[in-house]
């Protein structure tokens, strides 16, 4: 999945600069091309990135292409969403959940 207008793909090389040194709230979506629930949640994340574009950045990490990053964060199920604030992980959400649940988390953290 290529970068979209509101989300960006991250690799091991760009993770620190984009996530750990990122400003505001950064949502990291660990996903894979073959994952049905990942495809279901993608438009929800895109909508959140658009709705909160000044306060939130959504980045995507393909676990098949970046297994070291997935291992670093102990990702065993996808989609897994990690919420980073000030470079630190502050929350994790596993599985495809409805937009209102993710929006509630975002509102609590921004």
PDB file of N, CA and C in Angstrom:
ATOM      1  N   UNK A   1       0.850  -1.180   0.000  1.00  0.00           N
ATOM      2  CA  UNK A   1       0.000   0.000   0.000  1.00  0.00           C
ATOM      3  C   UNK A   1       0.894   1.241   0.000  1.00  0.00           C
ATOM      4  N   UNK A   2       0.759   2.039  -1.010  1.00  0.00           N
ATOM      5  CA  UNK A   2       1.566   3.248  -1.121  1.00  0.00           C
ATOM      6  C   UNK A   2       1.039   4.318  -0.185  1.00  0.00           C
ATOM      7  N   UNK A   3       1.848   5.332  -0.004  1.00  0.00           N
ATOM      8  CA  UNK A   3       1.399   6.462   0.794  1.00  0.00           C
ATOM      9  C   UNK A   3       0.106   7.011   0.196  1.00  0.00           C
ATOM     10  N   UNK A   4      -0.761   7.484   1.070  1.00  0.00           N
ATOM     11  CA  UNK A   4      -1.970   8.141   0.606  1.00  0.00           C
ATOM     12  C   UNK A   4      -1.810   9.624   0.908  1.00  0.00           C
ATOM     13  N   UNK A   5      -2.859  10.365   0.701  1.00  0.00           N
ATOM     14  CA  UNK A   5      -2.789  11.798   0.979  1.00  0.00           C
ATOM     15  C   UNK A   5      -2.592  12.076   2.467  1.00  0.00           C
ATOM     16  N   UNK A   6      -3.120  11.195   3.326  1.00  0.00           N
ATOM     17  CA  UNK A   6      -3.107  11.465   4.763  1.00  0.00           C
ATOM     18  C   UNK A   6      -2.299  10.472   5.593  1.00  0.00           C
ATOM     19  N   UNK A   7      -1.850   9.384   4.997  1.00  0.00           N
ATOM     20  CA  UNK A   7      -1.036   8.422   5.739  1.00  0.00           C
ATOM     21  C   UNK A   7       0.285   8.225   5.006  1.00  0.00           C
ATOM     22  N   UNK A   8       1.275   7.732   5.729  1.00  0.00           N
ATOM     23  CA  UNK A   8       2.603   7.557   5.133  1.00  0.00           C
ATOM     24  C   UNK A   8       3.178   6.207   5.555  1.00  0.00           C
ATOM     25  N   UNK A   9       3.840   5.539   4.619  1.00  0.00           N
ATOM     26  CA  UNK A   9       4.507   4.278   4.931  1.00  0.00           C
ATOM     27  C   UNK A   9       5.827   4.586   5.635  1.00  0.00           C
ATOM     28  N   UNK A  10       6.142   3.793   6.649  1.00  0.00           N
ATOM     29  CA  UNK A  10       7.371   3.978   7.419  1.00  0.00           C
ATOM     30  C   UNK A  10       8.181   2.690   7.367  1.00  0.00           C
ATOM     31  N   UNK A  11       9.501   2.850   7.304  1.00  0.00           N
ATOM     32  CA  UNK A  11      10.402   1.700   7.311  1.00  0.00           C
ATOM     33  C   UNK A  11      11.282   1.787   8.552  1.00  0.00           C
ATOM     34  N   UNK A  12      12.105   0.768   8.720  1.00  0.00           N
ATOM     35  CA  UNK A  12      13.046   0.772   9.834  1.00  0.00           C
ATOM     36  C   UNK A  12      13.939   2.019   9.778  1.00  0.00           C
ATOM     37  N   UNK A  13      14.299   2.427   8.574  1.00  0.00           N
ATOM     38  CA  UNK A  13      15.172   3.588   8.394  1.00  0.00           C
ATOM     39  C   UNK A  13      14.503   4.911   8.736  1.00  0.00           C
ATOM     40  N   UNK A  14      13.190   5.004   8.551  1.00  0.00           N
ATOM     41  CA  UNK A  14      12.499   6.278   8.775  1.00  0.00           C
ATOM     42  C   UNK A  14      11.698   6.318  10.073  1.00  0.00           C
ATOM     43  N   UNK A  15      11.668   5.205  10.814  1.00  0.00           N
ATOM     44  CA  UNK A  15      10.837   5.121  12.014  1.00  0.00           C
ATOM     45  C   UNK A  15      11.207   6.159  13.076  1.00  0.00           C
ATOM     46  N   UNK A  16      12.465   6.257  13.422  1.00  0.00           N
ATOM     47  CA  UNK A  16      12.878   7.174  14.497  1.00  0.00           C
ATOM     48  C   UNK A  16      12.500   8.611  14.154  1.00  0.00           C
ATOM     49  N   UNK A  17      12.844   9.049  12.951  1.00  0.00           N
ATOM     50  CA  UNK A  17      12.556  10.422  12.560  1.00  0.00           C
ATOM     51  C   UNK A  17      11.080  10.725  12.457  1.00  0.00           C
ATOM     52  N   UNK A  18      10.299   9.753  11.999  1.00  0.00           N
ATOM     53  CA  UNK A  18       8.875   9.974  11.783  1.00  0.00           C
ATOM     54  C   UNK A  18       8.049   9.761  13.047  1.00  0.00           C
ATOM     55  N   UNK A  19       8.384   8.737  13.822  1.00  0.00           N
ATOM     56  CA  UNK A  19       7.553   8.374  14.978  1.00  0.00           C
ATOM     57  C   UNK A  19       8.159   8.861  16.290  1.00  0.00           C
ATOM     58  N   UNK A  20       9.372   8.448  16.579  1.00  0.00           N
ATOM     59  CA  UNK A  20       9.953   8.750  17.885  1.00  0.00           C
ATOM     60  C   UNK A  20      10.363  10.217  18.021  1.00  0.00           C
ATOM     61  N   UNK A  21      10.608  10.888  16.904  1.00  0.00           N
ATOM     62  CA  UNK A  21      10.909  12.320  16.955  1.00  0.00           C
ATOM     63  C   UNK A  21       9.772  13.142  16.370  1.00  0.00           C
ATOM     64  N   UNK A  22       8.635  12.479  16.119  1.00  0.00           N
ATOM     65  CA  UNK A  22       7.484  13.156  15.530  1.00  0.00           C
ATOM     66  C   UNK A  22       6.794  14.073  16.520  1.00  0.00           C
ATOM     67  N   UNK A  23       6.129  15.073  15.990  1.00  0.00           N
ATOM     68  CA  UNK A  23       5.374  16.023  16.812  1.00  0.00           C
ATOM     69  C   UNK A  23       3.929  15.558  16.941  1.00  0.00           C
ATOM     70  N   UNK A  24       3.319  15.869  18.076  1.00  0.00           N
ATOM     71  CA  UNK A  24       1.917  15.526  18.269  1.00  0.00           C
ATOM     72  C   UNK A  24       1.710  14.036  18.445  1.00  0.00           C
ATOM     73  N   UNK A  25       0.507  13.599  18.137  1.00  0.00           N
ATOM     74  CA  UNK A  25       0.139  12.191  18.264  1.00  0.00           C
ATOM     75  C   UNK A  25       0.444  11.468  16.955  1.00  0.00           C
ATOM     76  N   UNK A  26       1.128  10.333  17.063  1.00  0.00           N
ATOM     77  CA  UNK A  26       1.435   9.510  15.896  1.00  0.00           C
ATOM     78  C   UNK A  26       0.817   8.129  16.118  1.00  0.00           C
ATOM     79  N   UNK A  27      -0.020   7.708  15.183  1.00  0.00           N
ATOM     80  CA  UNK A  27      -0.626   6.380  15.236  1.00  0.00           C
ATOM     81  C   UNK A  27       0.130   5.501  14.249  1.00  0.00           C
ATOM     82  N   UNK A  28       0.686   4.405  14.758  1.00  0.00           N
ATOM     83  CA  UNK A  28       1.435   3.464  13.924  1.00  0.00           C
ATOM     84  C   UNK A  28       0.550   2.248  13.679  1.00  0.00           C
ATOM     85  N   UNK A  29       0.252   2.009  12.411  1.00  0.00           N
ATOM     86  CA  UNK A  29      -0.591   0.886  12.007  1.00  0.00           C
ATOM     87  C   UNK A  29       0.298  -0.229  11.471  1.00  0.00           C
ATOM     88  N   UNK A  30       0.412  -1.315  12.230  1.00  0.00           N
ATOM     89  CA  UNK A  30       1.113  -2.514  11.761  1.00  0.00           C
ATOM     90  C   UNK A  30       0.091  -3.344  10.990  1.00  0.00           C
ATOM     91  N   UNK A  31       0.384  -3.626   9.727  1.00  0.00           N
ATOM     92  CA  UNK A  31      -0.576  -4.269   8.836  1.00  0.00           C
ATOM     93  C   UNK A  31       0.143  -5.176   7.840  1.00  0.00           C
ATOM     94  N   UNK A  32      -0.646  -5.876   7.025  1.00  0.00           N
ATOM     95  CA  UNK A  32      -0.102  -6.669   5.924  1.00  0.00           C
ATOM     96  C   UNK A  32      -1.119  -6.670   4.783  1.00  0.00           C
ATOM     97  N   UNK A  33      -0.615  -6.830   3.577  1.00  0.00           N
ATOM     98  CA  UNK A  33      -1.447  -6.813   2.374  1.00  0.00           C
ATOM     99  C   UNK A  33      -2.532  -7.898   2.421  1.00  0.00           C
ATOM    100  N   UNK A  34      -2.203  -9.073   2.954  1.00  0.00           N
ATOM    101  CA  UNK A  34      -3.103 -10.220   2.964  1.00  0.00           C
ATOM    102  C   UNK A  34      -4.117 -10.195   4.110  1.00  0.00           C
ATOM    103  N   UNK A  35      -4.050  -9.199   4.970  1.00  0.00           N
ATOM    104  CA  UNK A  35      -4.868  -9.131   6.188  1.00  0.00           C
ATOM    105  C   UNK A  35      -6.209  -8.427   5.918  1.00  0.00           C
ATOM    106  N   UNK A  36      -7.285  -9.198   5.946  1.00  0.00           N
ATOM    107  CA  UNK A  36      -8.623  -8.635   5.725  1.00  0.00           C
ATOM    108  C   UNK A  36      -8.991  -7.531   6.702  1.00  0.00           C
ATOM    109  N   UNK A  37      -8.860  -7.757   8.014  1.00  0.00           N
ATOM    110  CA  UNK A  37      -9.172  -6.693   8.971  1.00  0.00           C
ATOM    111  C   UNK A  37      -8.306  -5.434   8.770  1.00  0.00           C
ATOM    112  N   UNK A  38      -7.070  -5.613   8.297  1.00  0.00           N
ATOM    113  CA  UNK A  38      -6.202  -4.461   8.014  1.00  0.00           C
ATOM    114  C   UNK A  38      -6.791  -3.619   6.892  1.00  0.00           C
ATOM    115  N   UNK A  39      -7.320  -4.295   5.868  1.00  0.00           N
ATOM    116  CA  UNK A  39      -7.939  -3.576   4.756  1.00  0.00           C
ATOM    117  C   UNK A  39      -9.228  -2.900   5.209  1.00  0.00           C
ATOM    118  N   UNK A  40      -9.927  -3.501   6.168  1.00  0.00           N
ATOM    119  CA  UNK A  40     -11.166  -2.911   6.674  1.00  0.00           C
ATOM    120  C   UNK A  40     -10.894  -1.633   7.464  1.00  0.00           C
ATOM    121  N   UNK A  41      -9.823  -1.607   8.225  1.00  0.00           N
ATOM    122  CA  UNK A  41      -9.545  -0.460   9.081  1.00  0.00           C
ATOM    123  C   UNK A  41      -8.814   0.671   8.347  1.00  0.00           C
ATOM    124  N   UNK A  42      -8.218   0.371   7.200  1.00  0.00           N
ATOM    125  CA  UNK A  42      -7.451   1.379   6.457  1.00  0.00           C
ATOM    126  C   UNK A  42      -8.254   2.648   6.150  1.00  0.00           C
ATOM    127  N   UNK A  43      -9.499   2.553   5.645  1.00  0.00           N
ATOM    128  CA  UNK A  43     -10.250   3.784   5.366  1.00  0.00           C
ATOM    129  C   UNK A  43     -10.610   4.548   6.642  1.00  0.00           C
ATOM    130  N   UNK A  44     -10.769   3.840   7.740  1.00  0.00           N
ATOM    131  CA  UNK A  44     -11.052   4.492   9.032  1.00  0.00           C
ATOM    132  C   UNK A  44      -9.847   5.320   9.461  1.00  0.00           C
ATOM    133  N   UNK A  45      -8.663   4.739   9.337  1.00  0.00           N
ATOM    134  CA  UNK A  45      -7.443   5.466   9.691  1.00  0.00           C
ATOM    135  C   UNK A  45      -7.224   6.655   8.764  1.00  0.00           C
ATOM    136  N   UNK A  46      -7.517   6.466   7.502  1.00  0.00           N
ATOM    137  CA  UNK A  46      -7.405   7.559   6.529  1.00  0.00           C
ATOM    138  C   UNK A  46      -8.338   8.708   6.923  1.00  0.00           C
ATOM    139  N   UNK A  47      -9.563   8.378   7.311  1.00  0.00           N
ATOM    140  CA  UNK A  47     -10.534   9.405   7.716  1.00  0.00           C
ATOM    141  C   UNK A  47     -10.066  10.134   8.976  1.00  0.00           C
ATOM    142  N   UNK A  48      -9.546   9.382   9.948  1.00  0.00           N
ATOM    143  CA  UNK A  48      -9.036  10.023  11.165  1.00  0.00           C
ATOM    144  C   UNK A  48      -7.856  10.942  10.862  1.00  0.00           C
ATOM    145  N   UNK A  49      -6.962  10.473   9.996  1.00  0.00           N
ATOM    146  CA  UNK A  49      -5.812  11.296   9.619  1.00  0.00           C
ATOM    147  C   UNK A  49      -6.277  12.587   8.957  1.00  0.00           C
ATOM    148  N   UNK A  50      -7.320  12.513   8.169  1.00  0.00           N
ATOM    149  CA  UNK A  50      -7.862  13.700   7.507  1.00  0.00           C
ATOM    150  C   UNK A  50      -8.555  14.607   8.528  1.00  0.00           C
ATOM    151  N   UNK A  51      -9.398  14.022   9.373  1.00  0.00           N
ATOM    152  CA  UNK A  51     -10.175  14.806  10.345  1.00  0.00           C
ATOM    153  C   UNK A  51      -9.292  15.515  11.365  1.00  0.00           C
ATOM    154  N   UNK A  52      -8.173  14.894  11.718  1.00  0.00           N
ATOM    155  CA  UNK A  52      -7.280  15.440  12.752  1.00  0.00           C
ATOM    156  C   UNK A  52      -5.912  15.796  12.164  1.00  0.00           C
ATOM    157  N   UNK A  53      -5.889  16.249  10.915  1.00  0.00           N
ATOM    158  CA  UNK A  53      -4.622  16.421  10.200  1.00  0.00           C
ATOM    159  C   UNK A  53      -3.638  17.377  10.875  1.00  0.00           C
ATOM    160  N   UNK A  54      -4.122  18.297  11.686  1.00  0.00           N
ATOM    161  CA  UNK A  54      -3.218  19.221  12.372  1.00  0.00           C
ATOM    162  C   UNK A  54      -2.709  18.683  13.705  1.00  0.00           C
ATOM    163  N   UNK A  55      -3.306  17.587  14.192  1.00  0.00           N
ATOM    164  CA  UNK A  55      -2.962  17.062  15.515  1.00  0.00           C
ATOM    165  C   UNK A  55      -2.478  15.623  15.493  1.00  0.00           C
ATOM    166  N   UNK A  56      -2.636  14.956  14.357  1.00  0.00           N
ATOM    167  CA  UNK A  56      -2.428  13.514  14.296  1.00  0.00           C
ATOM    168  C   UNK A  56      -1.730  13.129  12.998  1.00  0.00           C
ATOM    169  N   UNK A  57      -0.787  12.192  13.114  1.00  0.00           N
ATOM    170  CA  UNK A  57      -0.152  11.614  11.934  1.00  0.00           C
ATOM    171  C   UNK A  57      -0.374  10.107  12.005  1.00  0.00           C
ATOM    172  N   UNK A  58      -0.808   9.520  10.902  1.00  0.00           N
ATOM    173  CA  UNK A  58      -0.986   8.071  10.817  1.00  0.00           C
ATOM    174  C   UNK A  58       0.098   7.520   9.898  1.00  0.00           C
ATOM    175  N   UNK A  59       0.874   6.579  10.431  1.00  0.00           N
ATOM    176  CA  UNK A  59       1.913   5.927   9.640  1.00  0.00           C
ATOM    177  C   UNK A  59       1.623   4.434   9.580  1.00  0.00           C
ATOM    178  N   UNK A  60       2.050   3.810   8.489  1.00  0.00           N
ATOM    179  CA  UNK A  60       1.755   2.398   8.268  1.00  0.00           C
ATOM    180  C   UNK A  60       3.050   1.618   8.124  1.00  0.00           C
ATOM    181  N   UNK A  61       3.102   0.484   8.805  1.00  0.00           N
ATOM    182  CA  UNK A  61       4.264  -0.402   8.725  1.00  0.00           C
ATOM    183  C   UNK A  61       3.783  -1.775   8.281  1.00  0.00           C
ATOM    184  N   UNK A  62       4.259  -2.209   7.120  1.00  0.00           N
ATOM    185  CA  UNK A  62       3.921  -3.524   6.589  1.00  0.00           C
ATOM    186  C   UNK A  62       4.801  -4.548   7.317  1.00  0.00           C
ATOM    187  N   UNK A  63       4.175  -5.435   8.078  1.00  0.00           N
ATOM    188  CA  UNK A  63       4.933  -6.397   8.890  1.00  0.00           C
ATOM    189  C   UNK A  63       5.730  -7.387   8.038  1.00  0.00           C
ATOM    190  N   UNK A  64       5.288  -7.629   6.814  1.00  0.00           N
ATOM    191  CA  UNK A  64       6.031  -8.533   5.933  1.00  0.00           C
ATOM    192  C   UNK A  64       7.313  -7.877   5.417  1.00  0.00           C
ATOM    193  N   UNK A  65       7.267  -6.566   5.240  1.00  0.00           N
ATOM    194  CA  UNK A  65       8.425  -5.838   4.733  1.00  0.00           C
ATOM    195  C   UNK A  65       9.347  -5.333   5.845  1.00  0.00           C
ATOM    196  N   UNK A  66       8.812  -5.189   7.055  1.00  0.00           N
ATOM    197  CA  UNK A  66       9.573  -4.659   8.194  1.00  0.00           C
ATOM    198  C   UNK A  66       9.447  -5.570   9.424  1.00  0.00           C
ATOM    199  N   UNK A  67       9.905  -6.835   9.307  1.00  0.00           N
ATOM    200  CA  UNK A  67       9.742  -7.772  10.426  1.00  0.00           C
ATOM    201  C   UNK A  67      10.507  -7.351  11.681  1.00  0.00           C
ATOM    202  N   UNK A  68      11.612  -6.639  11.535  1.00  0.00           N
ATOM    203  CA  UNK A  68      12.374  -6.216  12.719  1.00  0.00           C
ATOM    204  C   UNK A  68      11.592  -5.207  13.552  1.00  0.00           C
ATOM    205  N   UNK A  69      10.885  -4.285  12.890  1.00  0.00           N
ATOM    206  CA  UNK A  69      10.059  -3.327  13.632  1.00  0.00           C
ATOM    207  C   UNK A  69       8.906  -4.040  14.328  1.00  0.00           C
ATOM    208  N   UNK A  70       8.286  -4.987  13.631  1.00  0.00           N
ATOM    209  CA  UNK A  70       7.192  -5.746  14.242  1.00  0.00           C
ATOM    210  C   UNK A  70       7.700  -6.502  15.467  1.00  0.00           C
ATOM    211  N   UNK A  71       8.875  -7.113  15.363  1.00  0.00           N
ATOM    212  CA  UNK A  71       9.450  -7.853  16.492  1.00  0.00           C
ATOM    213  C   UNK A  71       9.814  -6.906  17.633  1.00  0.00           C
ATOM    214  N   UNK A  72      10.342  -5.746  17.291  1.00  0.00           N
ATOM    215  CA  UNK A  72      10.735  -4.759  18.323  1.00  0.00           C
ATOM    216  C   UNK A  72       9.561  -4.397  19.231  1.00  0.00           C
ATOM    217  N   UNK A  73       8.363  -4.329  18.643  1.00  0.00           N
ATOM    218  CA  UNK A  73       7.191  -3.949  19.422  1.00  0.00           C
ATOM    219  C   UNK A  73       6.316  -5.149  19.793  1.00  0.00           C
ATOM    220  N   UNK A  74       6.810  -6.360  19.570  1.00  0.00           N
ATOM    221  CA  UNK A  74       6.087  -7.563  19.980  1.00  0.00           C
ATOM    222  C   UNK A  74       4.765  -7.754  19.275  1.00  0.00           C
ATOM    223  N   UNK A  75       4.705  -7.347  18.022  1.00  0.00           N
ATOM    224  CA  UNK A  75       3.451  -7.460  17.263  1.00  0.00           C
ATOM    225  C   UNK A  75       3.198  -8.918  16.919  1.00  0.00           C
ATOM    226  N   UNK A  76       2.077  -9.443  17.432  1.00  0.00           N
ATOM    227  CA  UNK A  76       1.710 -10.824  17.151  1.00  0.00           C
ATOM    228  C   UNK A  76       0.387 -10.929  16.407  1.00  0.00           C
ATOM    229  N   UNK A  77      -0.418  -9.869  16.481  1.00  0.00           N
ATOM    230  CA  UNK A  77      -1.703  -9.827  15.788  1.00  0.00           C
ATOM    231  C   UNK A  77      -1.787  -8.518  15.017  1.00  0.00           C
ATOM    232  N   UNK A  78      -2.388  -8.598  13.827  1.00  0.00           N
ATOM    233  CA  UNK A  78      -2.591  -7.384  13.054  1.00  0.00           C
ATOM    234  C   UNK A  78      -4.049  -7.297  12.635  1.00  0.00           C
ATOM    235  N   UNK A  79      -4.558  -6.100  12.476  1.00  0.00           N
ATOM    236  CA  UNK A  79      -3.873  -4.839  12.666  1.00  0.00           C
ATOM    237  C   UNK A  79      -3.592  -4.560  14.137  1.00  0.00           C
ATOM    238  N   UNK A  80      -2.453  -3.971  14.381  1.00  0.00           N
ATOM    239  CA  UNK A  80      -2.100  -3.467  15.710  1.00  0.00           C
ATOM    240  C   UNK A  80      -1.793  -1.992  15.561  1.00  0.00           C
ATOM    241  N   UNK A  81      -2.454  -1.186  16.369  1.00  0.00           N
ATOM    242  CA  UNK A  81      -2.239   0.252  16.339  1.00  0.00           C
ATOM    243  C   UNK A  81      -1.507   0.664  17.607  1.00  0.00           C
ATOM    244  N   UNK A  82      -0.382   1.337  17.436  1.00  0.00           N
ATOM    245  CA  UNK A  82       0.367   1.866  18.565  1.00  0.00           C
ATOM    246  C   UNK A  82       0.266   3.381  18.512  1.00  0.00           C
ATOM    247  N   UNK A  83      -0.061   3.977  19.639  1.00  0.00           N
ATOM    248  CA  UNK A  83      -0.222   5.423  19.728  1.00  0.00           C
ATOM    249  C   UNK A  83       0.999   6.003  20.436  1.00  0.00           C
ATOM    250  N   UNK A  84       1.696   6.901  19.750  1.00  0.00           N
ATOM    251  CA  UNK A  84       2.901   7.532  20.294  1.00  0.00           C
ATOM    252  C   UNK A  84       2.640   9.010  20.533  1.00  0.00           C
ATOM    253  N   UNK A  85       3.090   9.481  21.677  1.00  0.00           N
ATOM    254  CA  UNK A  85       3.010  10.902  21.998  1.00  0.00           C
ATOM    255  C   UNK A  85       4.348  11.286  22.609  1.00  0.00           C
ATOM    256  N   UNK A  86       4.958  12.329  22.081  1.00  0.00           N
ATOM    257  CA  UNK A  86       6.268  12.728  22.570  1.00  0.00           C
ATOM    258  C   UNK A  86       7.313  11.646  22.395  1.00  0.00           C
ATOM    259  N   UNK A  87       7.150  10.828  21.357  1.00  0.00           N
ATOM    260  CA  UNK A  87       8.117   9.774  21.066  1.00  0.00           C
ATOM    261  C   UNK A  87       7.960   8.513  21.892  1.00  0.00           C
ATOM    262  N   UNK A  88       6.987   8.481  22.789  1.00  0.00           N
ATOM    263  CA  UNK A  88       6.761   7.321  23.650  1.00  0.00           C
ATOM    264  C   UNK A  88       5.419   6.666  23.326  1.00  0.00           C
ATOM    265  N   UNK A  89       5.389   5.336  23.351  1.00  0.00           N
ATOM    266  CA  UNK A  89       4.130   4.641  23.146  1.00  0.00           C
ATOM    267  C   UNK A  89       3.257   4.831  24.378  1.00  0.00           C
ATOM    268  N   UNK A  90       2.031   5.314  24.153  1.00  0.00           N
ATOM    269  CA  UNK A  90       1.121   5.587  25.268  1.00  0.00           C
ATOM    270  C   UNK A  90      -0.111   4.694  25.268  1.00  0.00           C
ATOM    271  N   UNK A  91      -0.386   4.025  24.138  1.00  0.00           N
ATOM    272  CA  UNK A  91      -1.562   3.157  24.069  1.00  0.00           C
ATOM    273  C   UNK A  91      -1.416   2.206  22.898  1.00  0.00           C
ATOM    274  N   UNK A  92      -2.108   1.059  23.004  1.00  0.00           N
ATOM    275  CA  UNK A  92      -2.122   0.073  21.930  1.00  0.00           C
ATOM    276  C   UNK A  92      -3.551  -0.417  21.736  1.00  0.00           C
ATOM    277  N   UNK A  93      -3.929  -0.602  20.474  1.00  0.00           N
ATOM    278  CA  UNK A  93      -5.235  -1.158  20.133  1.00  0.00           C
ATOM    279  C   UNK A  93      -5.013  -2.266  19.119  1.00  0.00           C
ATOM    280  N   UNK A  94      -5.485  -3.457  19.440  1.00  0.00           N
ATOM    281  CA  UNK A  94      -5.308  -4.595  18.533  1.00  0.00           C
ATOM    282  C   UNK A  94      -6.643  -4.925  17.882  1.00  0.00           C
ATOM    283  N   UNK A  95      -6.600  -5.172  16.582  1.00  0.00           N
ATOM    284  CA  UNK A  95      -7.789  -5.569  15.849  1.00  0.00           C
ATOM    285  C   UNK A  95      -8.480  -4.398  15.182  1.00  0.00           C
ATOM    286  N   UNK A  96      -9.337  -4.736  14.216  1.00  0.00           N
ATOM    287  CA  UNK A  96     -10.122  -3.724  13.511  1.00  0.00           C
ATOM    288  C   UNK A  96     -11.294  -3.327  14.398  1.00  0.00           C
ATOM    289  N   UNK A  97     -11.350  -2.067  14.746  1.00  0.00           N
ATOM    290  CA  UNK A  97     -12.429  -1.560  15.593  1.00  0.00           C
ATOM    291  C   UNK A  97     -13.123  -0.411  14.856  1.00  0.00           C
ATOM    292  N   UNK A  98     -14.363  -0.109  15.244  1.00  0.00           N
ATOM    293  CA  UNK A  98     -15.096   0.964  14.575  1.00  0.00           C
ATOM    294  C   UNK A  98     -14.438   2.338  14.790  1.00  0.00           C
ATOM    295  N   UNK A  99     -14.765   3.247  13.878  1.00  0.00           N
ATOM    296  CA  UNK A  99     -14.174   4.585  13.921  1.00  0.00           C
ATOM    297  C   UNK A  99     -14.424   5.278  15.255  1.00  0.00           C
ATOM    298  N   UNK A 100     -15.631   5.137  15.817  1.00  0.00           N
ATOM    299  CA  UNK A 100     -15.930   5.876  17.049  1.00  0.00           C
ATOM    300  C   UNK A 100     -15.014   5.452  18.209  1.00  0.00           C
ATOM    301  N   UNK A 101     -14.573   4.224  18.219  1.00  0.00           N
ATOM    302  CA  UNK A 101     -13.653   3.778  19.282  1.00  0.00           C
ATOM    303  C   UNK A 101     -12.281   4.414  19.086  1.00  0.00           C
ATOM    304  N   UNK A 102     -11.793   4.398  17.858  1.00  0.00           N
ATOM    305  CA  UNK A 102     -10.495   5.026  17.590  1.00  0.00           C
ATOM    306  C   UNK A 102     -10.556   6.535  17.807  1.00  0.00           C
ATOM    307  N   UNK A 103     -11.664   7.126  17.429  1.00  0.00           N
ATOM    308  CA  UNK A 103     -11.816   8.568  17.617  1.00  0.00           C
ATOM    309  C   UNK A 103     -11.814   8.938  19.099  1.00  0.00           C
ATOM    310  N   UNK A 104     -12.415   8.097  19.909  1.00  0.00           N
ATOM    311  CA  UNK A 104     -12.411   8.327  21.361  1.00  0.00           C
ATOM    312  C   UNK A 104     -10.979   8.288  21.898  1.00  0.00           C
ATOM    313  N   UNK A 105     -10.190   7.326  21.464  1.00  0.00           N
ATOM    314  CA  UNK A 105      -8.784   7.221  21.884  1.00  0.00           C
ATOM    315  C   UNK A 105      -8.024   8.469  21.440  1.00  0.00           C
ATOM    316  N   UNK A 106      -8.204   8.853  20.194  1.00  0.00           N
ATOM    317  CA  UNK A 106      -7.513  10.041  19.662  1.00  0.00           C
ATOM    318  C   UNK A 106      -7.870  11.282  20.480  1.00  0.00           C
ATOM    319  N   UNK A 107      -9.152  11.472  20.763  1.00  0.00           N
ATOM    320  CA  UNK A 107      -9.585  12.647  21.535  1.00  0.00           C
ATOM    321  C   UNK A 107      -8.975  12.663  22.934  1.00  0.00           C
ATOM    322  N   UNK A 108      -8.812  11.477  23.521  1.00  0.00           N
ATOM    323  CA  UNK A 108      -8.202  11.397  24.844  1.00  0.00           C
ATOM    324  C   UNK A 108      -6.721  11.773  24.813  1.00  0.00           C
ATOM    325  N   UNK A 109      -6.053  11.503  23.691  1.00  0.00           N
ATOM    326  CA  UNK A 109      -4.594  11.657  23.619  1.00  0.00           C
ATOM    327  C   UNK A 109      -4.104  12.946  22.979  1.00  0.00           C
ATOM    328  N   UNK A 110      -4.939  13.612  22.171  1.00  0.00           N
ATOM    329  CA  UNK A 110      -4.447  14.835  21.518  1.00  0.00           C
ATOM    330  C   UNK A 110      -4.495  16.038  22.456  1.00  0.00           C
TER     331      UNK A 110
END
